[in-house]
């Protein structure tokens, strides 16, 4: 047909019926997902390649986890998320409604990155770094500045139920797949070299614009699980193996769902009627475990339905930016201010991860 676009097939509606991939569970403790020790490098890399995610246990000690939980409550009680005397008290659940930070339906504590000493200590933890470096096959990395997560327990010990504290079940991608899969020169492309970090949002934008599929570069996301987390406690959802059907799903949804999102939208919510939504499964783990997933894998969260809280710290490592560039220079200067403000003692590794010195 004369004038037919060479991309017309990409915009034609197709039926999409993905195969359900069941998540492997721990054979000894089936309430937890299968996990690996930090020294099982080849094993957890093979698992990651197959399923698109992996759990590596004991990257933080019990003391590290408790110190981070304490930091989360201090962050809330002091209103560091941007609140003014929120009146929140960690030992008084009656104070956990009014003054709670934004994004509570997502279980994320506010819209600002967390720059506290404890958060930075976890980011420069060599065990955390090494898992990302091993999976990426790359050593010269920088770490992002993300947020804490807390799902309040929705059932009190006396049986009182707090439905108003429940988060919303969601499955999503933190990138725009329809831009990502286009050849370079097609569609609007976000220029990360222009980031100057004078806006806190730039620490999130550097996460969610991974370039183009044709670059052949692996991008990861992750979180540290800070308390034992079982299915009913709410938290992370993942669609095992989605990275293998990512391109097909993207092409099948380009005409409808793809047109709903503008080129620069990077939070793509997958609707309930999509079969992928029902394929998402709870990824559970012990305190101190690191969850890492391919950024091409659909993921999300499920609400808490228990007496136990869910605590997490979100983080990502990616290729370090050159400190000779304007972006690298600005990242160094802005993070230097936060490091000094919170009295963070950076290790040599931490200095490199937080753009304070070159690799």
Foldseek 3Di string as FASTA:
>chain_A
DPPDDPCVLLQDADDDDDDFDDFAADPVDRLAGDAAELVPLVVQLVVCVQWQKHKYFQLDDLVLLVVVVVVVQVCQCPVVLPFDRQVDDPVDVVSCPGSQEPPLLQQWRHDFFDLAQSLLCSVLRVSVLVNQCSNQVHNQKAKFGHTKGKQAAQAAPVGHGNPVRWHDFFKWFQEQLLLQADDPVPADADDLLPDLCPDRCNSSVVQHRPHHVVVVGWWKKKKAWSAFWGDQQKDKWWQTPQLVCLVVVSSNCCNPQVVVDHNPDRIRIDDPVPPSSVSIDDRGDHHRMMMMGTSSIIMGMGIHHHNDMTIMDIMTMDRDDDCVRSNLVSQLVVSVVSCVVNVHDADPSSCSNSSVDGD
